[in-house]
């Protein structure tokens, strides 16, 4: 029978051997892994929360009270009233609208001055009605502007763009983001026959606007 050599840790230490203490290192490794996974999970959840959906805008009403050329230089005078609905589709993110300016354009030409709307806060899944009066007095336009209006009148329909631009901030709990620029573009198409109506040209169908962020 072969002899069995049993060596104690103390004996191994005397011979130059070392016995590594693995348990403290394993515990440290598992703790580090747990903390890392927790941090990564928090960052992932934070990303999902702070990746909000851009706001939705709908044009509900638009009225053109004035759109004519005057004087030898054929300068444009315009008066337009509009109503928008702004909706925050996010369930856990609020929106600060720090700036919002709206104006009207026709055939690629700006036909009113900018009108600024007051800043406001929009809570989770809230909607707000926004009304603005757009005015243009003595605005220079391209020489073919009058021809384009007459052509639309012959076709029986006039289409114009109502646009907005501004800056917003996201709010999650007590945290508020930096400012982000956004743009809104709405199209209003209204009847415009040979005989002008006694009142304004009106749009009442409602139209979803495009929003870029």
Protein backbone atom coordinates (compact mmCIF):
# COMPACT_ATOMS: atom_id res chain seq x y z
CA UNK A 1 0.00 0.00 0.00
CA UNK A 2 1.34 3.43 -0.96
CA UNK A 3 1.81 5.92 1.80
CA UNK A 4 -0.63 8.86 1.92
CA UNK A 5 1.02 12.22 2.35
CA UNK A 6 -1.34 14.63 4.05
CA UNK A 7 0.03 18.14 4.29
CA UNK A 8 -1.56 20.84 6.36
CA UNK A 9 -1.75 24.48 5.14
CA UNK A 10 0.82 25.35 7.76
CA UNK A 11 3.19 22.70 6.45
CA UNK A 12 2.73 23.95 2.87
CA UNK A 13 3.48 27.44 3.99
CA UNK A 14 6.72 26.27 5.55
CA UNK A 15 7.69 24.61 2.26
CA UNK A 16 7.08 27.74 0.24
CA UNK A 17 3.52 26.99 -0.88
CA UNK A 18 0.65 29.55 -0.55
CA UNK A 19 -3.01 28.91 0.03
CA UNK A 20 -5.15 31.57 -1.70
CA UNK A 21 -8.20 32.81 0.07
CA UNK A 22 -10.76 32.54 -2.75
CA UNK A 23 -13.96 33.37 -0.88
CA UNK A 24 -13.29 37.10 -0.29
CA UNK A 25 -12.33 37.55 -3.97
CA UNK A 26 -15.40 35.68 -5.15
CA UNK A 27 -17.57 37.81 -2.91
CA UNK A 28 -15.99 40.99 -4.30
CA UNK A 29 -16.49 39.76 -7.86
CA UNK A 30 -20.16 38.96 -7.31
CA UNK A 31 -20.72 42.32 -5.61
CA UNK A 32 -19.11 44.17 -8.52
CA UNK A 33 -21.19 42.19 -11.03
CA UNK A 34 -24.41 42.92 -9.16
CA UNK A 35 -23.65 46.65 -8.95
CA UNK A 36 -22.74 46.76 -12.65
CA UNK A 37 -25.97 45.02 -13.66
CA UNK A 38 -27.98 47.36 -11.46
CA UNK A 39 -26.32 50.44 -13.01
CA UNK A 40 -26.89 49.11 -16.54
CA UNK A 41 -30.53 48.34 -15.76
CA UNK A 42 -31.01 51.84 -14.34
CA UNK A 43 -29.43 53.42 -17.42
CA UNK A 44 -31.64 51.30 -19.70
CA UNK A 45 -34.81 52.26 -17.81
CA UNK A 46 -33.73 55.89 -17.77
CA UNK A 47 -33.20 55.75 -21.54
CA UNK A 48 -36.68 54.32 -22.06
CA UNK A 49 -38.18 57.00 -19.83
CA UNK A 50 -36.19 59.89 -21.30
CA UNK A 51 -36.80 58.87 -24.92
CA UNK A 52 -40.11 60.75 -25.19
CA UNK A 53 -42.49 60.88 -28.11
CA UNK A 54 -42.69 64.24 -29.88
CA UNK A 55 -45.86 66.29 -29.33
CA UNK A 56 -48.80 66.11 -31.73
CA UNK A 57 -50.42 69.18 -33.31
CA UNK A 58 -53.79 69.37 -35.06
CA UNK A 59 -55.15 72.33 -36.99
CA UNK A 60 -58.84 72.60 -36.07
CA UNK A 61 -59.82 75.99 -37.53
CA UNK A 62 -58.44 78.62 -39.89
CA UNK A 63 -60.10 81.78 -41.22
CA UNK A 64 -58.71 84.16 -43.84
CA UNK A 65 -60.19 87.62 -43.31
CA UNK A 66 -57.87 89.49 -45.65
CA UNK A 67 -55.51 88.49 -48.45
CA UNK A 68 -55.04 91.20 -51.05
CA UNK A 69 -52.45 93.30 -52.81
CA UNK A 70 -52.42 97.10 -52.65
CA UNK A 71 -50.50 100.07 -53.97
CA UNK A 72 -48.27 100.43 -57.02
CA UNK A 73 -45.75 98.00 -55.53
CA UNK A 74 -48.46 95.39 -54.98
CA UNK A 75 -47.71 94.81 -51.31
CA UNK A 76 -49.63 92.14 -49.44
CA UNK A 77 -52.06 92.77 -46.60
CA UNK A 78 -53.26 89.69 -44.74
CA UNK A 79 -55.28 88.75 -41.68
CA UNK A 80 -55.69 85.12 -40.58
CA UNK A 81 -57.08 83.52 -37.42
CA UNK A 82 -56.15 79.94 -36.49
CA UNK A 83 -56.72 77.41 -33.73
CA UNK A 84 -54.37 74.52 -32.99
CA UNK A 85 -54.58 71.64 -30.54
CA UNK A 86 -51.31 70.53 -28.97
CA UNK A 87 -51.22 67.08 -27.33
CA UNK A 88 -48.52 65.50 -25.18
CA UNK A 89 -48.67 61.73 -25.92
CA UNK A 90 -46.23 60.78 -23.15
CA UNK A 91 -47.45 59.05 -20.00
CA UNK A 92 -44.48 59.94 -17.78
CA UNK A 93 -42.92 63.00 -19.42
CA UNK A 94 -44.14 66.59 -19.18
CA UNK A 95 -43.30 69.31 -21.72
CA UNK A 96 -42.27 72.92 -21.19
CA UNK A 97 -42.94 75.03 -24.30
CA UNK A 98 -40.51 77.90 -23.81
CA UNK A 99 -40.98 79.39 -27.28
CA UNK A 100 -43.59 78.96 -30.01
CA UNK A 101 -43.99 81.25 -33.01
CA UNK A 102 -46.56 80.71 -35.77
CA UNK A 103 -47.00 82.21 -39.23
CA UNK A 104 -48.76 81.52 -42.53
CA UNK A 105 -47.25 80.79 -45.93
CA UNK A 106 -48.70 80.44 -49.41
CA UNK A 107 -46.92 78.83 -52.34
CA UNK A 108 -43.66 78.92 -50.41
CA UNK A 109 -43.97 82.61 -49.49
CA UNK A 110 -44.45 83.90 -45.97
CA UNK A 111 -47.68 85.93 -45.96
CA UNK A 112 -47.87 87.03 -42.31
CA UNK A 113 -45.46 88.14 -39.65
CA UNK A 114 -44.48 85.81 -36.81
CA UNK A 115 -46.87 85.70 -33.87
CA UNK A 116 -45.48 84.51 -30.53
CA UNK A 117 -47.62 82.40 -28.21
CA UNK A 118 -47.06 82.60 -24.43
CA UNK A 119 -44.94 79.85 -22.82
CA UNK A 120 -46.83 77.05 -21.11
CA UNK A 121 -46.39 73.66 -19.44
CA UNK A 122 -48.15 70.53 -20.66
CA UNK A 123 -48.66 67.61 -18.30
CA UNK A 124 -48.81 63.90 -19.05
CA UNK A 125 -51.17 63.14 -21.97
CA UNK A 126 -52.65 66.66 -21.72
CA UNK A 127 -54.05 68.71 -24.62
CA UNK A 128 -54.11 72.49 -25.03
CA UNK A 129 -56.00 74.76 -27.42
CA UNK A 130 -53.77 77.42 -28.99
CA UNK A 131 -55.25 80.40 -30.84
CA UNK A 132 -53.38 83.08 -32.75
CA UNK A 133 -54.10 86.07 -34.96
CA UNK A 134 -51.67 86.36 -37.86
CA UNK A 135 -51.25 89.77 -39.49
CA UNK A 136 -49.28 91.06 -42.45
CA UNK A 137 -49.27 94.71 -43.52
CA UNK A 138 -47.41 95.85 -46.64
CA UNK A 139 -45.42 92.64 -47.09
CA UNK A 140 -43.38 92.30 -50.31
CA UNK A 141 -44.27 89.20 -52.34
CA UNK A 142 -43.21 87.72 -55.68
CA UNK A 143 -44.73 89.30 -58.81
CA UNK A 144 -46.65 86.10 -59.63
CA UNK A 145 -48.45 86.06 -56.25
CA UNK A 146 -51.66 87.61 -57.61
CA UNK A 147 -51.66 85.21 -60.55
CA UNK A 148 -51.38 82.20 -58.21
CA UNK A 149 -54.33 83.42 -56.13
CA UNK A 150 -56.44 83.91 -59.26
CA UNK A 151 -55.55 80.45 -60.51
CA UNK A 152 -56.59 78.88 -57.20
CA UNK A 153 -59.82 80.85 -57.33
CA UNK A 154 -60.53 79.45 -60.80
CA UNK A 155 -59.81 75.95 -59.50
CA UNK A 156 -62.19 76.53 -56.58
CA UNK A 157 -59.74 75.73 -53.80
CA UNK A 158 -57.03 77.58 -51.89
CA UNK A 159 -54.37 75.80 -49.85
CA UNK A 160 -52.01 77.47 -47.41
CA UNK A 161 -49.51 76.31 -44.80
CA UNK A 162 -49.69 77.33 -41.17
CA UNK A 163 -46.30 76.79 -39.58
CA UNK A 164 -44.77 76.98 -36.15
CA UNK A 165 -41.29 76.80 -34.68
CA UNK A 166 -40.06 76.89 -31.12
CA UNK A 167 -38.11 75.31 -28.30
CA UNK A 168 -39.26 72.82 -25.69
CA UNK A 169 -37.89 70.98 -22.64
CA UNK A 170 -38.80 67.55 -21.27
CA UNK A 171 -39.67 67.11 -17.58
CA UNK A 172 -39.38 63.78 -15.73
CA UNK A 173 -40.08 64.08 -12.01
CA UNK A 174 -37.90 66.97 -10.84
CA UNK A 175 -35.43 66.58 -13.71
CA UNK A 176 -35.71 68.99 -16.65
CA UNK A 177 -33.81 68.54 -19.92
CA UNK A 178 -32.09 71.13 -22.07
CA UNK A 179 -33.93 72.90 -24.87
CA UNK A 180 -34.84 71.16 -28.12
CA UNK A 181 -35.96 72.93 -31.29
CA UNK A 182 -39.12 71.72 -33.02
CA UNK A 183 -41.07 72.67 -36.15
CA UNK A 184 -44.75 72.25 -37.01
CA UNK A 185 -46.34 72.32 -40.48
CA UNK A 186 -50.12 72.27 -41.06
CA UNK A 187 -51.99 72.43 -44.38
CA UNK A 188 -55.39 74.10 -44.65
CA UNK A 189 -57.37 73.60 -47.87
CA UNK A 190 -60.56 75.64 -48.18
CA UNK A 191 -63.20 76.37 -50.85
CA UNK A 192 -62.38 79.44 -52.92
CA UNK A 193 -64.87 79.90 -55.74
CA UNK A 194 -65.39 82.67 -58.32
CA UNK A 195 -67.85 84.45 -56.02
CA UNK A 196 -66.23 85.43 -52.74
CA UNK A 197 -68.20 84.64 -49.57
CA UNK A 198 -69.54 87.46 -47.46
CA UNK A 199 -67.48 86.23 -44.52
CA UNK A 200 -63.93 84.88 -44.31
CA UNK A 201 -62.54 81.90 -46.19
CA UNK A 202 -62.84 79.15 -43.61
CA UNK A 203 -61.28 75.78 -42.83
CA UNK A 204 -63.15 73.50 -40.41
CA UNK A 205 -62.28 69.93 -41.45
CA UNK A 206 -59.35 69.50 -39.05
CA UNK A 207 -55.94 68.32 -40.21
CA UNK A 208 -53.08 66.51 -38.54
CA UNK A 209 -49.87 68.54 -38.65
CA UNK A 210 -46.37 67.19 -39.16
CA UNK A 211 -43.90 67.76 -36.31
CA UNK A 212 -40.13 67.49 -36.52
CA UNK A 213 -37.83 67.56 -33.52
